[in-house]
Amino acid sequence: MYMDIEKINPASVHFNPASAHAVLVTGAGRLLFLGGQNGVDISGNVVVGLHAQTEQALRNLMSVLGAGGGTPENIVKMTVYLVEGADPEEAFAVASKVWGRRPTAMTVVTVSGLANPSFLIEIDAIAAMPA
């Protein structure tokens, strides 16, 4: 079955190479909603520091995505929650190394805290996958 994922970046809006302003999904497909992932390793330990937590959260997200039958190219929307005081530039630098050049619709939110006081970042996503 055919499914197309088109990134929309109108010339009338400032271009950000790290994200797309919108993503249009057409054709037959399925949606996979990925719950928030944090910097928790396979043993249940919270890794230390924003760098390590960002990398672990993205690796967890990609693992869950793979378990659902998707690939990073299927991500159409991502939301990043950063605890107040966490440096978004540091998180973006780490993310670009782990995630690569895969712009998608993205929202970054600063929050006063997450479920565990040790968490500095949480990332959730929506993936569109062929049927």
N, C-alpha and C. Protein backbone atom coordinates (compact mmCIF):
# COMPACT_ATOMS: atom_id res chain seq x y z
N MET A 1 0.84 -1.18 0.00
CA MET A 1 0.00 0.00 0.00
C MET A 1 0.89 1.25 0.00
N TYR A 2 0.39 2.28 -0.63
CA TYR A 2 1.14 3.50 -0.80
C TYR A 2 0.91 4.46 0.37
N MET A 3 1.99 5.06 0.87
CA MET A 3 1.91 6.11 1.88
C MET A 3 3.03 7.09 1.59
N ASP A 4 2.71 8.37 1.65
CA ASP A 4 3.70 9.40 1.40
C ASP A 4 3.79 10.32 2.61
N ILE A 5 5.01 10.66 3.00
CA ILE A 5 5.25 11.60 4.10
C ILE A 5 5.97 12.80 3.49
N GLU A 6 5.30 13.95 3.51
CA GLU A 6 5.85 15.17 2.93
C GLU A 6 6.14 16.20 4.01
N LYS A 7 7.36 16.71 4.05
CA LYS A 7 7.75 17.76 4.98
C LYS A 7 7.35 19.11 4.36
N ILE A 8 6.70 19.96 5.13
CA ILE A 8 6.23 21.24 4.61
C ILE A 8 6.96 22.37 5.33
N ASN A 9 7.68 23.17 4.56
CA ASN A 9 8.43 24.31 5.07
C ASN A 9 8.19 25.49 4.12
N PRO A 10 7.10 26.25 4.33
CA PRO A 10 6.81 27.35 3.41
C PRO A 10 7.89 28.43 3.43
N ALA A 11 8.13 29.02 2.27
CA ALA A 11 9.15 30.07 2.15
C ALA A 11 8.80 31.29 2.97
N SER A 12 7.53 31.45 3.34
CA SER A 12 7.08 32.62 4.10
C SER A 12 7.35 32.50 5.60
N VAL A 13 7.91 31.36 6.05
CA VAL A 13 8.22 31.13 7.46
C VAL A 13 9.70 30.78 7.57
N HIS A 14 10.38 31.31 8.59
CA HIS A 14 11.81 31.05 8.79
C HIS A 14 12.08 29.54 8.76
N PHE A 15 13.08 29.14 8.01
CA PHE A 15 13.45 27.73 7.86
C PHE A 15 14.38 27.32 8.98
N ASN A 16 14.09 26.20 9.62
CA ASN A 16 14.95 25.61 10.63
C ASN A 16 15.34 24.22 10.13
N PRO A 17 16.61 23.98 9.82
CA PRO A 17 17.00 22.68 9.26
C PRO A 17 16.81 21.51 10.22
N ALA A 18 16.61 21.78 11.50
CA ALA A 18 16.46 20.70 12.47
C ALA A 18 15.02 20.20 12.58
N SER A 19 14.06 20.93 12.00
CA SER A 19 12.67 20.50 12.11
C SER A 19 11.90 20.92 10.87
N ALA A 20 10.71 20.36 10.72
CA ALA A 20 9.80 20.75 9.66
C ALA A 20 8.65 21.50 10.32
N HIS A 21 8.08 22.47 9.62
CA HIS A 21 6.95 23.21 10.18
C HIS A 21 5.69 22.36 10.21
N ALA A 22 5.56 21.45 9.27
CA ALA A 22 4.43 20.53 9.23
C ALA A 22 4.84 19.28 8.48
N VAL A 23 4.08 18.22 8.71
CA VAL A 23 4.30 16.97 8.00
C VAL A 23 2.93 16.49 7.52
N LEU A 24 2.82 16.25 6.22
CA LEU A 24 1.57 15.77 5.63
C LEU A 24 1.74 14.30 5.30
N VAL A 25 0.84 13.48 5.83
CA VAL A 25 0.86 12.05 5.57
C VAL A 25 -0.37 11.72 4.73
N THR A 26 -0.15 11.12 3.56
CA THR A 26 -1.27 10.75 2.70
C THR A 26 -1.15 9.28 2.32
N GLY A 27 -2.27 8.70 1.95
CA GLY A 27 -2.30 7.29 1.56
C GLY A 27 -2.62 6.41 2.74
N ALA A 28 -2.63 5.13 2.47
CA ALA A 28 -2.95 4.15 3.51
C ALA A 28 -1.80 4.06 4.51
N GLY A 29 -2.12 3.99 5.76
CA GLY A 29 -1.07 3.87 6.76
C GLY A 29 -1.62 3.66 8.16
N ARG A 30 -0.70 3.55 9.10
CA ARG A 30 -1.04 3.37 10.51
C ARG A 30 -0.29 4.42 11.31
N LEU A 31 -0.84 4.80 12.45
CA LEU A 31 -0.16 5.73 13.34
C LEU A 31 0.32 4.98 14.57
N LEU A 32 1.54 5.26 14.98
CA LEU A 32 2.11 4.69 16.20
C LEU A 32 2.43 5.85 17.12
N PHE A 33 1.83 5.86 18.30
CA PHE A 33 2.05 6.91 19.30
C PHE A 33 3.07 6.40 20.30
N LEU A 34 4.21 7.08 20.37
CA LEU A 34 5.29 6.66 21.25
C LEU A 34 5.24 7.48 22.53
N GLY A 35 5.07 6.80 23.66
CA GLY A 35 5.02 7.47 24.95
C GLY A 35 6.35 8.10 25.30
N GLY A 36 6.32 9.03 26.23
CA GLY A 36 7.51 9.77 26.63
C GLY A 36 8.65 8.86 27.08
N GLN A 37 9.82 9.11 26.53
CA GLN A 37 11.03 8.35 26.88
C GLN A 37 12.00 9.28 27.59
N ASN A 38 12.63 8.73 28.63
CA ASN A 38 13.58 9.48 29.45
C ASN A 38 14.95 8.84 29.38
N GLY A 39 15.88 9.40 30.13
CA GLY A 39 17.24 8.87 30.19
C GLY A 39 17.36 7.72 31.18
N VAL A 40 16.58 6.66 30.97
CA VAL A 40 16.61 5.48 31.84
C VAL A 40 17.19 4.33 31.04
N ASP A 41 18.25 3.71 31.57
CA ASP A 41 18.88 2.60 30.84
C ASP A 41 18.10 1.31 31.03
N ILE A 42 18.54 0.25 30.37
CA ILE A 42 17.85 -1.05 30.38
C ILE A 42 17.70 -1.62 31.79
N SER A 43 18.59 -1.24 32.70
CA SER A 43 18.53 -1.73 34.09
C SER A 43 17.61 -0.89 34.96
N GLY A 44 17.05 0.19 34.40
CA GLY A 44 16.16 1.05 35.17
C GLY A 44 16.87 2.20 35.87
N ASN A 45 18.15 2.38 35.57
CA ASN A 45 18.92 3.46 36.18
C ASN A 45 18.79 4.74 35.36
N VAL A 46 18.63 5.87 36.05
CA VAL A 46 18.62 7.16 35.38
C VAL A 46 20.07 7.55 35.12
N VAL A 47 20.42 7.75 33.84
CA VAL A 47 21.78 8.16 33.52
C VAL A 47 21.96 9.62 33.95
N VAL A 48 23.20 10.02 34.17
CA VAL A 48 23.49 11.33 34.77
C VAL A 48 23.85 12.36 33.70
N GLY A 49 23.22 13.52 33.81
CA GLY A 49 23.54 14.65 32.94
C GLY A 49 22.64 14.74 31.72
N LEU A 50 22.48 15.95 31.22
CA LEU A 50 21.62 16.19 30.07
C LEU A 50 22.12 15.47 28.82
N HIS A 51 23.43 15.49 28.60
CA HIS A 51 24.01 14.82 27.43
C HIS A 51 23.61 13.35 27.42
N ALA A 52 23.90 12.66 28.51
CA ALA A 52 23.63 11.22 28.60
C ALA A 52 22.13 10.93 28.57
N GLN A 53 21.33 11.77 29.22
CA GLN A 53 19.88 11.54 29.24
C GLN A 53 19.27 11.75 27.86
N THR A 54 19.74 12.75 27.12
CA THR A 54 19.22 12.99 25.78
C THR A 54 19.53 11.81 24.87
N GLU A 55 20.78 11.36 24.92
CA GLU A 55 21.18 10.22 24.10
C GLU A 55 20.37 8.98 24.46
N GLN A 56 20.21 8.70 25.76
CA GLN A 56 19.47 7.51 26.19
C GLN A 56 17.99 7.61 25.82
N ALA A 57 17.40 8.79 26.01
CA ALA A 57 15.98 8.97 25.67
C ALA A 57 15.75 8.72 24.18
N LEU A 58 16.63 9.23 23.33
CA LEU A 58 16.48 9.01 21.89
C LEU A 58 16.70 7.55 21.52
N ARG A 59 17.67 6.91 22.15
CA ARG A 59 17.91 5.49 21.88
C ARG A 59 16.69 4.66 22.34
N ASN A 60 16.11 5.02 23.48
CA ASN A 60 14.91 4.34 23.95
C ASN A 60 13.76 4.54 22.96
N LEU A 61 13.60 5.78 22.50
CA LEU A 61 12.54 6.10 21.55
C LEU A 61 12.70 5.27 20.27
N MET A 62 13.93 5.19 19.75
CA MET A 62 14.17 4.42 18.53
C MET A 62 13.94 2.92 18.76
N SER A 63 14.24 2.45 19.97
CA SER A 63 14.01 1.04 20.28
C SER A 63 12.51 0.73 20.30
N VAL A 64 11.73 1.60 20.94
CA VAL A 64 10.28 1.41 20.98
C VAL A 64 9.70 1.51 19.57
N LEU A 65 10.19 2.48 18.81
CA LEU A 65 9.76 2.65 17.43
C LEU A 65 10.01 1.38 16.62
N GLY A 66 11.21 0.82 16.75
CA GLY A 66 11.55 -0.41 16.05
C GLY A 66 10.67 -1.58 16.47
N ALA A 67 10.37 -1.66 17.77
CA ALA A 67 9.51 -2.73 18.27
C ALA A 67 8.10 -2.62 17.68
N GLY A 68 7.70 -1.40 17.34
CA GLY A 68 6.40 -1.18 16.73
C GLY A 68 6.42 -1.30 15.22
N GLY A 69 7.59 -1.64 14.66
CA GLY A 69 7.70 -1.84 13.23
C GLY A 69 8.09 -0.61 12.44
N GLY A 70 8.53 0.46 13.12
CA GLY A 70 8.87 1.69 12.43
C GLY A 70 10.35 1.97 12.38
N THR A 71 10.70 3.00 11.64
CA THR A 71 12.06 3.49 11.54
C THR A 71 12.04 4.99 11.84
N PRO A 72 13.18 5.60 12.10
CA PRO A 72 13.20 7.04 12.37
C PRO A 72 12.55 7.87 11.25
N GLU A 73 12.61 7.41 10.02
CA GLU A 73 12.00 8.14 8.91
C GLU A 73 10.48 8.20 9.03
N ASN A 74 9.89 7.32 9.85
CA ASN A 74 8.44 7.32 10.03
C ASN A 74 7.95 8.37 11.04
N ILE A 75 8.86 8.95 11.81
CA ILE A 75 8.46 9.95 12.81
C ILE A 75 7.93 11.19 12.09
N VAL A 76 6.69 11.60 12.44
CA VAL A 76 6.10 12.78 11.83
C VAL A 76 5.91 13.92 12.84
N LYS A 77 5.99 13.63 14.13
CA LYS A 77 5.84 14.66 15.16
C LYS A 77 6.61 14.22 16.39
N MET A 78 7.38 15.14 16.94
CA MET A 78 8.15 14.87 18.14
C MET A 78 7.97 16.03 19.11
N THR A 79 7.82 15.70 20.38
CA THR A 79 7.75 16.72 21.42
C THR A 79 8.87 16.45 22.42
N VAL A 80 9.65 17.49 22.70
CA VAL A 80 10.76 17.40 23.65
C VAL A 80 10.42 18.27 24.85
N TYR A 81 10.46 17.68 26.02
CA TYR A 81 10.23 18.40 27.27
C TYR A 81 11.57 18.53 27.99
N LEU A 82 11.98 19.76 28.25
CA LEU A 82 13.22 20.03 28.96
C LEU A 82 12.91 20.70 30.29
N VAL A 83 13.55 20.23 31.34
CA VAL A 83 13.37 20.83 32.66
C VAL A 83 14.01 22.23 32.65
N GLU A 84 13.37 23.15 33.34
CA GLU A 84 13.90 24.52 33.44
C GLU A 84 15.37 24.47 33.83
N GLY A 85 16.19 25.25 33.15
CA GLY A 85 17.62 25.29 33.42
C GLY A 85 18.44 24.37 32.55
N ALA A 86 17.77 23.38 31.91
CA ALA A 86 18.49 22.49 30.99
C ALA A 86 18.79 23.27 29.71
N ASP A 87 19.99 23.12 29.20
CA ASP A 87 20.44 23.87 28.03
C ASP A 87 19.93 23.22 26.74
N PRO A 88 18.98 23.86 26.04
CA PRO A 88 18.46 23.27 24.82
C PRO A 88 19.53 23.08 23.74
N GLU A 89 20.52 23.95 23.70
CA GLU A 89 21.59 23.81 22.70
C GLU A 89 22.38 22.52 22.93
N GLU A 90 22.62 22.18 24.19
CA GLU A 90 23.31 20.92 24.50
C GLU A 90 22.47 19.74 24.06
N ALA A 91 21.18 19.79 24.36
CA ALA A 91 20.28 18.69 23.97
C ALA A 91 20.23 18.55 22.45
N PHE A 92 20.14 19.67 21.73
CA PHE A 92 20.09 19.62 20.27
C PHE A 92 21.39 19.07 19.68
N ALA A 93 22.52 19.45 20.26
CA ALA A 93 23.81 18.95 19.77
C ALA A 93 23.89 17.44 19.91
N VAL A 94 23.46 16.92 21.05
CA VAL A 94 23.46 15.47 21.26
C VAL A 94 22.47 14.81 20.32
N ALA A 95 21.28 15.40 20.22
CA ALA A 95 20.24 14.82 19.38
C ALA A 95 20.68 14.72 17.93
N SER A 96 21.39 15.72 17.44
CA SER A 96 21.82 15.69 16.04
C SER A 96 22.80 14.56 15.78
N LYS A 97 23.59 14.19 16.79
CA LYS A 97 24.53 13.07 16.64
C LYS A 97 23.80 11.73 16.64
N VAL A 98 22.79 11.60 17.52
CA VAL A 98 22.06 10.34 17.66
C VAL A 98 20.97 10.23 16.59
N TRP A 99 20.21 11.28 16.42
CA TRP A 99 19.04 11.28 15.54
C TRP A 99 19.43 11.52 14.08
N GLY A 100 20.50 12.28 13.86
CA GLY A 100 20.92 12.58 12.50
C GLY A 100 20.11 13.72 11.90
N ARG A 101 20.16 13.83 10.59
CA ARG A 101 19.46 14.89 9.85
C ARG A 101 18.11 14.36 9.40
N ARG A 102 17.18 14.28 10.32
CA ARG A 102 15.83 13.81 10.02
C ARG A 102 14.83 14.86 10.50
N PRO A 103 14.70 15.96 9.80
CA PRO A 103 13.77 16.99 10.26
C PRO A 103 12.33 16.48 10.28
N THR A 104 11.60 16.82 11.32
CA THR A 104 10.20 16.47 11.44
C THR A 104 9.50 17.59 12.18
N ALA A 105 8.19 17.57 12.22
CA ALA A 105 7.47 18.56 13.02
C ALA A 105 7.88 18.37 14.47
N MET A 106 8.25 19.46 15.14
CA MET A 106 8.80 19.34 16.49
C MET A 106 8.34 20.50 17.36
N THR A 107 8.07 20.18 18.62
CA THR A 107 7.78 21.18 19.63
C THR A 107 8.71 20.94 20.79
N VAL A 108 9.31 22.01 21.31
CA VAL A 108 10.18 21.93 22.49
C VAL A 108 9.53 22.75 23.59
N VAL A 109 9.34 22.14 24.75
CA VAL A 109 8.66 22.77 25.86
C VAL A 109 9.56 22.77 27.09
N THR A 110 9.63 23.89 27.79
CA THR A 110 10.33 23.95 29.06
C THR A 110 9.30 23.72 30.17
N VAL A 111 9.62 22.79 31.07
CA VAL A 111 8.70 22.44 32.16
C VAL A 111 9.40 22.59 33.50
N SER A 112 8.63 22.74 34.56
CA SER A 112 9.23 22.89 35.89
C SER A 112 9.75 21.57 36.43
N GLY A 113 9.24 20.46 35.93
CA GLY A 113 9.71 19.16 36.39
C GLY A 113 9.04 18.05 35.61
N LEU A 114 9.59 16.85 35.74
CA LEU A 114 9.04 15.66 35.10
C LEU A 114 8.71 14.64 36.20
N ALA A 115 8.23 13.47 35.80
CA ALA A 115 7.74 12.47 36.77
C ALA A 115 8.75 12.09 37.83
N ASN A 116 10.02 12.03 37.47
CA ASN A 116 11.09 11.72 38.41
C ASN A 116 11.96 12.97 38.52
N PRO A 117 12.25 13.44 39.73
CA PRO A 117 13.05 14.65 39.87
C PRO A 117 14.43 14.58 39.22
N SER A 118 14.92 13.38 38.93
CA SER A 118 16.23 13.22 38.28
C SER A 118 16.15 13.41 36.76
N PHE A 119 14.94 13.35 36.20
CA PHE A 119 14.79 13.48 34.75
C PHE A 119 15.03 14.93 34.33
N LEU A 120 15.82 15.11 33.28
CA LEU A 120 16.08 16.44 32.71
C LEU A 120 15.39 16.61 31.37
N ILE A 121 15.02 15.49 30.72
CA ILE A 121 14.42 15.53 29.39
C ILE A 121 13.45 14.37 29.23
N GLU A 122 12.42 14.60 28.43
CA GLU A 122 11.49 13.55 28.04
C GLU A 122 11.12 13.80 26.59
N ILE A 123 11.02 12.74 25.80
CA ILE A 123 10.73 12.87 24.38
C ILE A 123 9.62 11.89 24.01
N ASP A 124 8.56 12.42 23.38
CA ASP A 124 7.53 11.53 22.83
C ASP A 124 7.39 11.82 21.34
N ALA A 125 6.70 10.94 20.64
CA ALA A 125 6.62 11.09 19.18
C ALA A 125 5.40 10.38 18.62
N ILE A 126 5.10 10.74 17.37
CA ILE A 126 4.07 10.06 16.58
C ILE A 126 4.74 9.62 15.29
N ALA A 127 4.51 8.36 14.91
CA ALA A 127 5.07 7.82 13.67
C ALA A 127 3.92 7.42 12.74
N ALA A 128 4.08 7.69 11.47
CA ALA A 128 3.14 7.25 10.43
C ALA A 128 3.83 6.16 9.64
N MET A 129 3.17 5.00 9.59
CA MET A 129 3.80 3.84 8.95
C MET A 129 2.86 3.23 7.93
N PRO A 130 3.40 2.62 6.89
CA PRO A 130 2.55 1.96 5.90
C PRO A 130 1.71 0.87 6.55
N ALA A 131 0.54 0.63 5.96
CA ALA A 131 -0.36 -0.41 6.49
C ALA A 131 0.22 -1.79 6.30
